[in-house]
Protein backbone atom coordinates (compact mmCIF):
# COMPACT_ATOMS: atom_id res chain seq x y z
CA MET A 1 18.44 -25.45 -5.50
CA GLU A 2 20.11 -23.49 -8.55
CA VAL A 3 21.44 -20.18 -7.71
CA SER A 4 18.74 -18.65 -10.03
CA GLU A 5 16.28 -20.01 -7.90
CA TYR A 6 17.65 -17.95 -4.97
CA LEU A 7 18.08 -14.68 -7.16
CA GLN A 8 14.40 -15.22 -7.93
CA ASN A 9 12.83 -16.20 -4.77
CA ALA A 10 14.49 -13.07 -3.40
CA GLU A 11 13.38 -10.91 -5.95
CA ASP A 12 9.74 -11.77 -5.79
CA ASN A 13 9.65 -11.51 -2.28
CA MET A 14 11.23 -7.68 -2.63
CA THR A 15 8.73 -7.39 -5.41
CA LEU A 16 5.82 -8.12 -2.98
CA ALA A 17 7.14 -6.19 -0.80
CA THR A 18 7.26 -2.77 -2.64
CA GLU A 19 4.04 -3.63 -4.31
CA TYR A 20 2.38 -3.92 -0.56
CA LEU A 21 3.97 -0.39 0.42
CA ASP A 22 2.43 0.99 -2.77
CA ASP A 23 -0.73 -0.12 -2.01
CA SER A 24 -0.93 0.37 1.96
CA LEU A 25 0.63 4.14 0.99
CA SER A 26 -2.33 4.85 -1.40
CA HIS A 27 -4.61 4.18 1.38
CA ILE A 28 -3.39 7.16 3.38
CA ARG A 29 -5.01 10.30 2.74
CA ALA A 30 -3.10 13.40 1.83
CA GLY A 31 -5.51 15.88 1.59
CA LYS A 32 -6.59 14.95 -1.82
CA ALA A 33 -9.50 12.95 -2.78
CA SER A 34 -8.95 9.34 -4.59
CA ALA A 35 -11.41 6.71 -5.01
CA ARG A 36 -8.62 4.03 -3.59
CA LEU A 37 -9.42 5.83 0.01
CA LEU A 38 -12.45 3.83 0.12
CA ASP A 39 -10.77 0.26 -1.00
CA GLY A 40 -10.56 -1.03 2.46
CA ILE A 41 -13.95 -0.43 3.92
CA ARG A 42 -16.31 -3.37 3.45
CA VAL A 43 -20.64 -3.22 3.56
CA GLU A 44 -22.79 -5.84 4.61
CA TYR A 45 -24.70 -6.65 1.21
CA TYR A 46 -26.89 -9.63 1.10
CA GLY A 47 -25.26 -10.83 3.91
CA SER A 48 -21.50 -10.84 3.15
CA LEU A 49 -19.14 -8.03 3.37
CA ALA A 50 -18.32 -6.69 0.12
CA PRO A 51 -15.98 -3.42 -1.06
CA ILE A 52 -17.88 -0.04 -1.50
CA SER A 53 -17.07 -0.26 -5.14
CA ASN A 54 -18.78 -3.62 -5.75
CA VAL A 55 -22.50 -1.98 -4.69
CA ALA A 56 -21.77 1.71 -5.90
CA ASN A 57 -20.44 3.82 -8.48
CA ILE A 58 -17.54 5.88 -6.92
CA SER A 59 -16.14 8.94 -8.55
CA VAL A 60 -13.80 11.81 -7.94
CA PRO A 61 -15.76 15.04 -8.93
CA ASP A 62 -12.99 17.37 -7.53
CA ALA A 63 -10.02 17.52 -5.84
CA ARG A 64 -11.70 17.59 -2.54
CA THR A 65 -15.02 15.04 -3.32
CA ILE A 66 -15.52 11.60 -3.66
CA ALA A 67 -19.01 11.15 -4.81
CA ILE A 68 -20.54 7.55 -4.28
CA THR A 69 -23.68 6.52 -6.07
CA PRO A 70 -25.31 3.24 -4.85
CA TRP A 71 -26.72 1.25 -7.12
CA GLU A 72 -29.96 0.54 -4.72
CA LYS A 73 -31.45 2.58 -2.21
CA ALA A 74 -31.03 0.24 0.50
CA MET A 75 -27.53 0.54 0.38
CA PHE A 76 -27.45 4.38 1.54
CA LYS A 77 -27.55 3.70 4.83
CA GLU A 78 -25.06 0.67 5.01
CA ILE A 79 -22.38 2.42 3.00
CA GLU A 80 -22.77 5.49 5.24
CA LYS A 81 -22.48 3.57 8.65
CA ALA A 82 -19.14 1.89 6.84
CA ILE A 83 -17.38 5.15 6.19
CA ILE A 84 -18.46 6.72 9.56
CA ASN A 85 -16.84 3.53 11.28
CA SER A 86 -13.78 3.16 9.20
CA ASP A 87 -10.33 5.02 10.21
CA LEU A 88 -10.91 7.47 7.42
CA GLY A 89 -12.09 10.39 9.67
CA VAL A 90 -14.68 11.87 8.04
CA THR A 91 -18.52 11.80 7.78
CA PRO A 92 -20.32 11.68 4.63
CA GLU A 93 -23.15 13.56 3.59
CA ASN A 94 -26.34 12.32 2.05
CA ASN A 95 -28.56 14.22 -0.63
CA GLY A 96 -30.74 11.26 -1.36
CA GLU A 97 -29.16 10.51 -4.86
CA VAL A 98 -25.48 10.59 -3.73
CA ILE A 99 -23.38 10.21 -0.88
CA ARG A 100 -20.58 12.90 -0.90
CA ILE A 101 -17.28 12.83 1.02
CA CYS A 102 -15.63 16.33 1.17
CA ILE A 103 -12.07 15.28 2.15
CA PRO A 104 -10.83 18.41 5.07
CA PRO A 105 -7.43 20.21 4.23
CA LEU A 106 -4.81 18.64 6.27
CA THR A 107 -3.52 20.48 9.41
CA GLU A 108 0.48 21.04 9.86
CA ASP A 109 0.63 18.52 12.71
CA ARG A 110 -1.66 15.95 10.68
CA ARG A 111 0.60 16.39 7.65
CA LYS A 112 3.43 15.45 9.94
CA ALA A 113 1.67 12.38 11.24
CA LEU A 114 0.71 11.11 8.19
CA VAL A 115 4.46 11.56 6.97
CA LYS A 116 5.64 9.46 10.36
CA GLN A 117 3.02 6.42 9.43
CA CYS A 118 4.31 6.59 5.63
CA LYS A 119 7.99 6.43 7.00
CA ALA A 120 6.83 3.69 9.54
CA GLU A 121 5.21 1.64 6.53
CA ALA A 122 8.52 2.31 3.90
CA GLU A 123 10.60 0.93 6.87
CA ASN A 124 8.52 -2.03 7.40
CA ALA A 125 9.03 -2.78 3.44
CA LYS A 126 12.91 -2.21 3.83
CA VAL A 127 13.03 -4.83 6.77
CA SER A 128 10.90 -7.24 4.24
CA VAL A 129 13.51 -6.58 1.60
CA ARG A 130 16.49 -7.30 3.75
CA ASN A 131 15.02 -10.30 5.09
CA ALA A 132 14.47 -11.64 1.47
CA ARG A 133 18.02 -10.61 0.97
CA ARG A 134 19.53 -12.92 3.94
CA GLU A 135 17.25 -15.76 3.07
CA ALA A 136 18.89 -15.59 -0.30
CA ILE A 137 22.01 -15.63 1.13
CA ASP A 138 21.83 -17.82 3.93
CA GLY A 139 20.22 -20.59 1.03
CA LEU A 140 23.26 -19.67 -0.93
CA LYS A 141 25.94 -20.43 2.09
CA LYS A 142 24.18 -23.67 2.75
CA GLU A 143 24.57 -24.74 -1.05
CA ILE A 144 28.33 -24.33 -0.58
CA LYS A 145 28.47 -27.34 1.67
CA GLN A 146 26.12 -29.33 -1.14
CA GLY A 147 29.02 -28.49 -3.64
CA LEU A 148 28.79 -24.97 -4.94
CA SER A 149 31.96 -23.31 -5.80
CA GLU A 150 32.52 -20.27 -3.42
CA ASP A 151 33.25 -18.06 -6.25
CA VAL A 152 29.96 -18.87 -7.72
CA GLU A 153 28.61 -18.38 -4.65
CA LYS A 154 30.50 -14.76 -4.00
CA ASP A 155 28.92 -13.69 -7.36
CA ALA A 156 25.31 -14.48 -6.65
CA GLU A 157 26.00 -12.86 -3.50
CA ALA A 158 26.68 -9.60 -5.25
CA LYS A 159 23.87 -10.14 -7.81
CA VAL A 160 21.70 -10.21 -4.52
CA GLN A 161 23.03 -7.22 -3.12
CA LYS A 162 22.49 -5.49 -6.42
CA ILE A 163 18.91 -6.75 -6.47
CA HIS A 164 18.66 -5.34 -2.72
CA ASP A 165 19.85 -1.75 -3.34
CA ARG A 166 17.54 -1.41 -6.52
CA TYR A 167 14.46 -2.51 -4.25
CA MET A 168 15.58 -0.26 -1.40
CA LYS A 169 15.76 2.65 -4.26
CA LYS A 170 12.47 1.89 -5.22
CA ILE A 171 11.01 1.96 -1.63
CA ASP A 172 12.65 5.18 -1.12
CA ASP A 173 11.23 6.85 -4.01
CA LEU A 174 7.78 6.06 -3.06
CA PHE A 175 7.95 7.25 0.58
CA ALA A 176 9.55 10.41 -0.99
CA ALA A 177 6.68 10.89 -3.48
CA LYS A 178 4.15 10.11 -0.88
CA GLU A 179 5.70 12.89 1.44
CA LYS A 180 5.58 15.36 -1.07
CA GLU A 181 2.21 14.74 -1.78
CA ILE A 182 1.34 15.07 1.80
CA LEU A 183 3.42 18.02 2.61
CA THR A 184 2.24 20.13 -0.53
CA VAL A 185 -0.51 22.27 0.86
């Protein structure tokens, strides 16, 4: 393999790790309503599981409310059941037209628990980035046996380290933003 291929593979893996972290942090509720909170919830729709966004309109009328307007009346019960059975920890209100989810303000203990959960997610992403760096460096070391010069290998290793440092900073920034969002009352 070429040196550039090792660098590209490492960067691709690091990008995937940060994108996954960003997605998983967006599903952690921080006391504010967001349509993305419902992304992981699936409902039974004509024999298959579908995301709520595929069977209803989802809107956020204010900072503490999510409004769900199903396209079919039969979906009210299914959507309510899916929300209650999810790990969201809220109870939907149904008035026959719209299902409303009121996001309660977070207690101090809950905020700390959410920050801890976010920190664990960030740490998992950092482990993935470190693994991508290690795989690239190991591959480069094997290339020396195949005839790659040590100077080229050392330069490539330094580039991998720079990419690694950039992604670690990105992860820290994502975590810091989410932590600030959770701790802001």
